[in-house]
Each structure stands twice: as C-alpha cells, then as structure tokens.
Amino acid sequence: MSAAGYEPCLRASSEFQERVDSAIALKAGSIAEAAAETERALHLAQLAGADAALLGCTELSVVAAGLNDTNGLIVIDSNAALARACLTRLGFGTQEAGGLSTMSPLREHDGLPWPAAQRAS
C-alpha cells in the first residue's frame, strides 16, 4: 500500500478486532447485525485516523452491501474489487446501474486474451 502512495492505518485497539471478529461470527445468523457491528468497527478505524477501509476478509464481503452508516469513510470490498479487475482483464466492461454492477457484452474475440477468447467461442 505504501508503494502505491497510501499510508496504512493499522487497527487502533483490541476493541476494533473484537468488533470485526464479532461481525464475522454474527454473519452466520444475521447479515444486518453483522453489518451494524462492521459499521462500529469502521467507526473505530475512522476515529484512529482512517480515511478509507479495505474489507480484506471474505466474510466481511458478505456484509458489505448491508453497510448503511459509514460516516463518509470510503469502504472498499476487496472481493468486489478483485472480481471487477478480473472481468476487466477478461474484456468485460463494468458499469454502475442503480448501484448494481453490470457487464457489457463480450468484445470481439481478437481483443481478448487467448484463454478468454477460447471460452467465448
């Protein structure tokens, strides 16, 4: 992250990690409760000086869409970012339509890397 010009802000307290762990545990029973607990953890990160948060745990990707109050904190779902990057690499374009990611039709086979062109035919 530093090489890309970002200054990492590591978790400020054990309470932050406890809230993240709680959100992961709650996810199995209630996505809404897990999202609320994730929001609490994000608030703690913001109080520690974070401007953005990277949801790097696959368990937290499940609750990402349910986040309501991030108090202006930029929240990046690493799984969604990876999926968009993969689709772009394979020749799909992503667009935001009503908050949902959509894909444009596959480009001509010539423009795709060989394995993607092979799957498209």
C-alpha atoms as a PDB file:
ATOM      1  CA  MET A   1       0.000   0.000   0.000  1.00  0.00           C
ATOM      2  CA  SER A   2       2.844   2.352   0.825  1.00  0.00           C
ATOM      3  CA  ALA A   3       4.397   1.821  -2.616  1.00  0.00           C
ATOM      4  CA  ALA A   4       1.098   2.977  -4.164  1.00  0.00           C
ATOM      5  CA  GLY A   5       1.175   6.174  -2.111  1.00  0.00           C
ATOM      6  CA  TYR A   6      -1.182   5.161   0.691  1.00  0.00           C
ATOM      7  CA  GLU A   7      -0.365   5.389   4.373  1.00  0.00           C
ATOM      8  CA  PRO A   8      -1.635   2.289   6.184  1.00  0.00           C
ATOM      9  CA  CYS A   9      -3.570   2.891   9.382  1.00  0.00           C
ATOM     10  CA  LEU A  10      -3.440  -0.280  11.421  1.00  0.00           C
ATOM     11  CA  ARG A  11      -6.155  -1.144  13.888  1.00  0.00           C
ATOM     12  CA  ALA A  12      -6.106   1.216  16.809  1.00  0.00           C
ATOM     13  CA  SER A  13      -7.280  -1.064  19.581  1.00  0.00           C
ATOM     14  CA  SER A  14      -8.232  -4.554  20.572  1.00  0.00           C
ATOM     15  CA  GLU A  15     -11.862  -3.336  20.518  1.00  0.00           C
ATOM     16  CA  PHE A  16     -11.588  -2.882  16.747  1.00  0.00           C
ATOM     17  CA  GLN A  17     -10.504  -6.506  16.242  1.00  0.00           C
ATOM     18  CA  GLU A  18     -13.173  -7.706  18.683  1.00  0.00           C
ATOM     19  CA  ARG A  19     -15.856  -5.927  16.629  1.00  0.00           C
ATOM     20  CA  VAL A  20     -14.532  -7.393  13.373  1.00  0.00           C
ATOM     21  CA  ASP A  21     -14.479 -10.868  14.913  1.00  0.00           C
ATOM     22  CA  SER A  22     -17.992 -10.314  16.245  1.00  0.00           C
ATOM     23  CA  ALA A  23     -19.234  -9.218  12.809  1.00  0.00           C
ATOM     24  CA  ILE A  24     -17.797 -12.386  11.273  1.00  0.00           C
ATOM     25  CA  ALA A  25     -19.490 -14.555  13.911  1.00  0.00           C
ATOM     26  CA  LEU A  26     -22.813 -12.700  13.609  1.00  0.00           C
ATOM     27  CA  LYS A  27     -22.843 -13.061   9.821  1.00  0.00           C
ATOM     28  CA  ALA A  28     -23.946 -16.682  10.130  1.00  0.00           C
ATOM     29  CA  GLY A  29     -27.141 -15.644  11.920  1.00  0.00           C
ATOM     30  CA  SER A  30     -27.909 -12.116  10.760  1.00  0.00           C
ATOM     31  CA  ILE A  31     -26.331 -10.120   7.970  1.00  0.00           C
ATOM     32  CA  ALA A  32     -27.970  -6.937   9.331  1.00  0.00           C
ATOM     33  CA  GLU A  33     -26.426  -7.420  12.793  1.00  0.00           C
ATOM     34  CA  ALA A  34     -23.062  -8.233  11.230  1.00  0.00           C
ATOM     35  CA  ALA A  35     -23.267  -5.071   9.108  1.00  0.00           C
ATOM     36  CA  ALA A  36     -24.055  -2.974  12.198  1.00  0.00           C
ATOM     37  CA  GLU A  37     -21.072  -4.477  14.031  1.00  0.00           C
ATOM     38  CA  THR A  38     -18.867  -3.836  10.983  1.00  0.00           C
ATOM     39  CA  GLU A  39     -20.052  -0.217  10.997  1.00  0.00           C
ATOM     40  CA  ARG A  40     -18.961   0.046  14.647  1.00  0.00           C
ATOM     41  CA  ALA A  41     -15.506  -1.310  13.750  1.00  0.00           C
ATOM     42  CA  LEU A  42     -15.260   1.110  10.812  1.00  0.00           C
ATOM     43  CA  HIS A  43     -16.154   3.986  13.127  1.00  0.00           C
ATOM     44  CA  LEU A  44     -13.287   2.986  15.421  1.00  0.00           C
ATOM     45  CA  ALA A  45     -10.931   2.908  12.430  1.00  0.00           C
ATOM     46  CA  GLN A  46     -12.124   6.368  11.437  1.00  0.00           C
ATOM     47  CA  LEU A  47     -11.506   7.659  14.968  1.00  0.00           C
ATOM     48  CA  ALA A  48      -7.970   6.276  14.652  1.00  0.00           C
ATOM     49  CA  GLY A  49      -7.447   8.421  11.542  1.00  0.00           C
ATOM     50  CA  ALA A  50      -8.501   6.170   8.660  1.00  0.00           C
ATOM     51  CA  ASP A  51      -9.971   7.853   5.558  1.00  0.00           C
ATOM     52  CA  ALA A  52     -10.743   4.546   3.857  1.00  0.00           C
ATOM     53  CA  ALA A  53     -11.136   0.914   4.858  1.00  0.00           C
ATOM     54  CA  LEU A  54     -10.353  -2.217   2.899  1.00  0.00           C
ATOM     55  CA  LEU A  55     -12.605  -5.163   3.700  1.00  0.00           C
ATOM     56  CA  GLY A  56      -9.946  -7.802   3.193  1.00  0.00           C
ATOM     57  CA  CYS A  57     -11.803 -10.726   4.753  1.00  0.00           C
ATOM     58  CA  THR A  58     -14.119 -12.798   2.569  1.00  0.00           C
ATOM     59  CA  GLU A  59     -16.518 -12.991   5.498  1.00  0.00           C
ATOM     60  CA  LEU A  60     -16.904  -9.198   5.505  1.00  0.00           C
ATOM     61  CA  SER A  61     -17.666  -9.082   1.782  1.00  0.00           C
ATOM     62  CA  VAL A  62     -20.985 -10.720   2.612  1.00  0.00           C
ATOM     63  CA  VAL A  63     -21.997  -7.756   4.778  1.00  0.00           C
ATOM     64  CA  ALA A  64     -20.565  -5.017   2.523  1.00  0.00           C
ATOM     65  CA  ALA A  65     -23.857  -4.390   0.714  1.00  0.00           C
ATOM     66  CA  GLY A  66     -25.658  -4.044   4.053  1.00  0.00           C
ATOM     67  CA  LEU A  67     -23.495  -1.198   5.356  1.00  0.00           C
ATOM     68  CA  ASN A  68     -25.603   1.913   5.894  1.00  0.00           C
ATOM     69  CA  ASP A  69     -23.684   4.326   8.099  1.00  0.00           C
ATOM     70  CA  THR A  70     -20.015   4.591   7.221  1.00  0.00           C
ATOM     71  CA  ASN A  71     -19.902   8.296   8.176  1.00  0.00           C
ATOM     72  CA  GLY A  72     -18.164   9.270   4.933  1.00  0.00           C
ATOM     73  CA  LEU A  73     -15.475   6.603   5.278  1.00  0.00           C
ATOM     74  CA  ILE A  74     -14.588   5.086   1.909  1.00  0.00           C
ATOM     75  CA  VAL A  75     -15.152   1.325   2.164  1.00  0.00           C
ATOM     76  CA  ILE A  76     -13.577  -0.971  -0.420  1.00  0.00           C
ATOM     77  CA  ASP A  77     -14.727  -4.577  -0.678  1.00  0.00           C
ATOM     78  CA  SER A  78     -11.601  -6.442  -1.802  1.00  0.00           C
ATOM     79  CA  ASN A  79     -13.606  -9.342  -3.261  1.00  0.00           C
ATOM     80  CA  ALA A  80     -15.718  -7.000  -5.406  1.00  0.00           C
ATOM     81  CA  ALA A  81     -12.607  -5.086  -6.484  1.00  0.00           C
ATOM     82  CA  LEU A  82     -10.894  -8.334  -7.472  1.00  0.00           C
ATOM     83  CA  ALA A  83     -13.963  -9.509  -9.391  1.00  0.00           C
ATOM     84  CA  ARG A  84     -14.164  -6.189 -11.294  1.00  0.00           C
ATOM     85  CA  ALA A  85     -10.444  -6.362 -12.117  1.00  0.00           C
ATOM     86  CA  CYS A  86     -10.800  -9.941 -13.377  1.00  0.00           C
ATOM     87  CA  LEU A  87     -13.788  -9.055 -15.542  1.00  0.00           C
ATOM     88  CA  THR A  88     -11.964  -6.046 -16.962  1.00  0.00           C
ATOM     89  CA  ARG A  89      -8.913  -8.210 -17.697  1.00  0.00           C
ATOM     90  CA  LEU A  90     -11.158 -10.707 -19.488  1.00  0.00           C
ATOM     91  CA  GLY A  91     -12.606  -7.955 -21.649  1.00  0.00           C
ATOM     92  CA  PHE A  92     -15.842  -7.202 -19.882  1.00  0.00           C
ATOM     93  CA  GLY A  93     -16.702  -3.613 -19.003  1.00  0.00           C
ATOM     94  CA  THR A  94     -18.324  -2.812 -15.686  1.00  0.00           C
ATOM     95  CA  GLN A  95     -20.931  -0.123 -15.269  1.00  0.00           C
ATOM     96  CA  GLU A  96     -22.833   1.096 -12.270  1.00  0.00           C
ATOM     97  CA  ALA A  97     -26.570   0.840 -12.837  1.00  0.00           C
ATOM     98  CA  GLY A  98     -28.778   1.504  -9.853  1.00  0.00           C
ATOM     99  CA  GLY A  99     -25.917   0.583  -7.542  1.00  0.00           C
ATOM    100  CA  LEU A 100     -25.543  -2.877  -9.056  1.00  0.00           C
ATOM    101  CA  SER A 101     -22.560  -3.871 -11.110  1.00  0.00           C
ATOM    102  CA  THR A 102     -23.453  -4.954 -14.643  1.00  0.00           C
ATOM    103  CA  MET A 103     -21.368  -6.267 -17.504  1.00  0.00           C
ATOM    104  CA  SER A 104     -21.346  -5.155 -21.098  1.00  0.00           C
ATOM    105  CA  PRO A 105     -21.382  -7.806 -23.846  1.00  0.00           C
ATOM    106  CA  LEU A 106     -18.142  -9.595 -24.615  1.00  0.00           C
ATOM    107  CA  ARG A 107     -15.912  -7.725 -27.059  1.00  0.00           C
ATOM    108  CA  GLU A 108     -14.730  -9.278 -30.291  1.00  0.00           C
ATOM    109  CA  HIS A 109     -12.594 -12.371 -29.776  1.00  0.00           C
ATOM    110  CA  ASP A 110      -9.471 -10.659 -31.197  1.00  0.00           C
ATOM    111  CA  GLY A 111      -9.362  -8.163 -28.304  1.00  0.00           C
ATOM    112  CA  LEU A 112      -9.419 -10.797 -25.579  1.00  0.00           C
ATOM    113  CA  PRO A 113      -6.508 -12.715 -24.138  1.00  0.00           C
ATOM    114  CA  TRP A 114      -6.313 -16.188 -25.705  1.00  0.00           C
ATOM    115  CA  PRO A 115      -7.966 -18.205 -22.856  1.00  0.00           C
ATOM    116  CA  ALA A 116     -10.903 -15.776 -22.646  1.00  0.00           C
ATOM    117  CA  ALA A 117     -11.327 -15.805 -26.440  1.00  0.00           C
ATOM    118  CA  GLN A 118     -11.349 -19.601 -26.357  1.00  0.00           C
ATOM    119  CA  ARG A 119     -14.073 -19.691 -23.673  1.00  0.00           C
ATOM    120  CA  ALA A 120     -16.143 -17.090 -25.550  1.00  0.00           C
ATOM    121  CA  SER A 121     -16.334 -19.190 -28.710  1.00  0.00           C
END
